[in-house]
Protein backbone atom coordinates (compact mmCIF):
# COMPACT_ATOMS: atom_id res chain seq x y z
CA MET A 1 6.32 -12.40 -17.55
CA ASP A 2 8.36 -14.22 -20.16
CA GLN A 3 9.46 -17.50 -18.56
CA LYS A 4 11.95 -18.22 -21.34
CA LYS A 5 13.61 -14.83 -20.84
CA ILE A 6 13.68 -15.36 -17.06
CA GLY A 7 15.20 -18.81 -17.58
CA ALA A 8 17.89 -17.43 -19.87
CA PHE A 9 18.67 -14.74 -17.30
CA LEU A 10 18.94 -17.30 -14.49
CA LYS A 11 21.30 -19.34 -16.68
CA GLU A 12 23.38 -16.23 -17.39
CA LEU A 13 23.61 -15.43 -13.67
CA ARG A 14 24.70 -18.99 -12.89
CA LYS A 15 27.37 -18.96 -15.59
CA GLU A 16 28.67 -15.58 -14.36
CA LYS A 17 29.35 -17.31 -11.05
CA GLY A 18 31.05 -20.17 -12.91
CA MET A 19 28.73 -22.78 -11.42
CA THR A 20 27.22 -25.95 -12.75
CA GLN A 21 23.53 -26.70 -12.38
CA GLU A 22 24.37 -29.43 -9.87
CA VAL A 23 26.41 -27.12 -7.62
CA LEU A 24 23.67 -24.48 -7.70
CA ALA A 25 21.08 -27.16 -6.97
CA GLU A 26 23.02 -28.25 -3.87
CA THR A 27 23.35 -24.62 -2.75
CA LEU A 28 19.61 -23.99 -3.07
CA GLY A 29 18.54 -27.41 -1.82
CA VAL A 30 16.76 -28.47 -5.02
CA SER A 31 17.49 -31.04 -7.72
CA GLY A 32 19.65 -30.40 -10.78
CA ARG A 33 16.63 -31.19 -12.91
CA THR A 34 14.71 -28.35 -11.20
CA ILE A 35 17.49 -25.91 -12.11
CA SER A 36 17.34 -27.14 -15.69
CA ARG A 37 13.58 -26.58 -15.82
CA TRP A 38 13.97 -23.03 -14.49
CA GLU A 39 16.67 -22.22 -17.03
CA THR A 40 14.67 -23.59 -19.96
CA GLY A 41 11.63 -21.63 -18.83
CA SER A 42 9.39 -24.66 -18.39
CA ASN A 43 9.01 -24.00 -14.64
CA MET A 44 9.48 -21.05 -12.28
CA PRO A 45 11.04 -21.09 -8.81
CA ASP A 46 8.75 -20.68 -5.80
CA LEU A 47 8.73 -17.25 -4.19
CA ASP A 48 10.86 -18.27 -1.22
CA ILE A 49 13.50 -19.75 -3.54
CA LEU A 50 13.24 -16.72 -5.82
CA ILE A 51 14.16 -14.51 -2.87
CA GLU A 52 17.06 -16.82 -2.05
CA ILE A 53 18.25 -16.70 -5.69
CA ALA A 54 18.08 -12.91 -5.73
CA ASP A 55 20.14 -12.74 -2.55
CA TYR A 56 22.62 -15.30 -3.82
CA TYR A 57 23.20 -13.52 -7.14
CA ASP A 58 22.91 -10.06 -5.54
CA VAL A 59 20.17 -8.91 -7.92
CA GLU A 60 16.69 -7.58 -7.31
CA ILE A 61 13.70 -9.86 -7.65
CA ARG A 62 12.34 -7.35 -10.14
CA GLU A 63 15.39 -7.95 -12.34
CA ILE A 64 14.81 -11.71 -12.25
CA LEU A 65 11.13 -11.31 -13.10
CA ASP A 66 12.00 -8.94 -15.95
CA GLY A 67 14.69 -11.34 -17.13
CA GLU A 68 17.34 -8.64 -17.39
CA ARG A 69 19.54 -6.35 -15.35
CA LYS A 70 18.37 -2.82 -14.86
CA SER A 71 20.68 -0.16 -16.17
CA GLU A 72 23.11 1.52 -13.81
CA ARG A 73 21.88 4.92 -14.99
CA MET A 74 18.31 4.09 -14.02
CA ASN A 75 19.44 2.81 -10.64
CA LYS A 76 21.47 5.99 -10.06
CA GLU A 77 18.47 8.17 -10.99
CA VAL A 78 16.18 6.23 -8.67
CA GLU A 79 18.78 6.41 -5.90
CA GLU A 80 19.20 10.18 -6.35
CA THR A 81 15.44 10.70 -6.27
CA VAL A 82 15.08 8.60 -3.13
CA LEU A 83 17.90 10.56 -1.46
CA LYS A 84 16.26 13.88 -2.37
CA VAL A 85 12.93 12.72 -0.97
CA ALA A 86 14.65 11.48 2.20
CA ASP A 87 16.46 14.83 2.62
CA TYR A 88 13.21 16.73 2.16
CA SER A 89 11.45 14.47 4.65
CA ASN A 90 14.25 14.92 7.18
CA GLN A 91 14.12 18.70 6.80
CA GLU A 92 10.37 18.67 7.36
CA LYS A 93 10.77 16.46 10.45
CA GLN A 94 13.48 18.73 11.84
CA ARG A 95 11.32 21.82 11.31
CA LEU A 96 8.33 20.16 12.98
CA THR A 97 10.51 18.93 15.85
CA LYS A 98 11.82 22.46 16.47
CA ARG A 99 8.28 23.83 16.53
CA LEU A 100 7.11 21.13 18.90
CA CYS A 101 10.11 21.64 21.21
CA PHE A 102 9.32 25.35 21.35
CA LEU A 103 5.65 24.69 22.13
CA PHE A 104 6.50 22.04 24.73
CA SER A 105 8.91 24.48 26.39
CA LEU A 106 6.11 27.05 26.54
CA GLY A 107 3.86 24.37 28.03
CA ILE A 108 6.42 23.65 30.77
CA ILE A 109 6.78 27.37 31.50
CA ALA A 110 2.99 27.67 31.66
CA PHE A 111 2.81 24.77 34.12
CA VAL A 112 5.53 26.36 36.28
CA ILE A 113 3.56 29.63 36.30
CA TYR A 114 0.44 27.74 37.38
CA PHE A 115 2.35 25.85 40.07
CA VAL A 116 3.97 29.05 41.46
CA LEU A 117 0.64 30.89 41.58
CA GLU A 118 -0.99 27.93 43.35
CA ALA A 119 1.92 27.49 45.77
CA MET A 120 1.83 31.19 46.70
CA GLU A 121 -1.95 30.95 47.10
CA LEU A 122 -2.48 33.89 44.73
CA THR A 123 -5.33 32.17 42.91
CA ASP A 124 -7.80 33.75 45.36
CA ILE A 125 -7.36 36.97 43.38
CA SER A 126 -9.40 36.76 40.19
CA LEU A 127 -6.65 38.11 37.89
CA TYR A 128 -4.14 35.55 39.15
CA ASP A 129 -6.79 32.83 39.04
CA SER A 130 -7.41 33.64 35.36
CA ILE A 131 -3.67 33.57 34.63
CA ALA A 132 -3.27 30.26 36.52
CA SER A 133 -6.24 28.72 34.71
CA GLY A 134 -4.96 29.87 31.31
CA ALA A 135 -1.46 28.57 32.06
CA LEU A 136 -2.80 25.20 33.22
CA GLY A 137 -5.03 24.96 30.14
CA PHE A 138 -2.09 25.73 27.83
CA ALA A 139 0.15 23.22 29.62
CA PHE A 140 -2.56 20.56 29.38
CA GLY A 141 -3.06 21.36 25.68
CA MET A 142 0.65 20.94 25.00
CA MET A 143 0.57 17.60 26.81
CA ILE A 144 -2.26 16.43 24.55
CA VAL A 145 -0.36 17.60 21.44
CA GLY A 146 2.71 15.68 22.68
CA VAL A 147 0.72 12.49 23.11
CA MET A 148 -0.90 12.92 19.70
CA TYR A 149 2.50 13.52 18.07
CA THR A 150 4.29 10.60 19.68
CA SER A 151 1.40 8.20 18.97
CA GLY A 152 1.37 9.14 15.27
CA PHE A 153 -2.21 10.39 15.47
CA LEU A 154 -1.10 13.96 14.70
CA ALA A 155 0.44 12.88 11.37
CA LYS A 156 -2.79 11.08 10.42
CA TYR A 157 -4.80 14.16 11.39
CA CYS A 158 -2.56 16.43 9.27
CA ALA A 159 -2.86 14.08 6.27
CA PHE A 160 -6.65 14.02 6.67
CA LYS A 161 -6.70 17.82 6.89
CA LYS A 162 -4.66 18.09 3.66
CA ARG A 163 -7.04 15.72 1.84
CA ILE A 164 -10.02 17.78 2.96
CA ALA A 165 -8.30 21.02 1.90
CA LYS A 166 -7.64 19.60 -1.60
CA ARG A 167 -11.32 18.75 -2.06
CA GLY A 168 -12.42 22.28 -1.19
């Protein structure tokens, strides 16, 4: 970090707004002498004031710490990359959601089958008892998957599984 460069950048930002050191000092709740020290590079603002300065000048803290504005081209490239990643993530979430909805629907159907077989008292026959048991097991399994998915545990499990697969 080059404090002199940061100070010059802070001075440039202040002058772009057409402000004096005293007016900026009043705005930030510090003394004019403090502003002068920042702009000469002899002192640096505290983190909470640095955040306030970044908001006030509508720049990133990273730009202040680098002592220069980042190029528009770089910002556009970063923005495009972030949007692509977000689109990919959304597509993956939509695909997973469709799969889970399908499986949950099957789980509900399985539970209805179990309930109908129990209500009609057909579980005394071993074939129907096996069907009812299988349907109840599947419905219960889907309920567990639903709880794991909504709690975020399923995502952690999948990430762990991918890490293990990469090692092997």
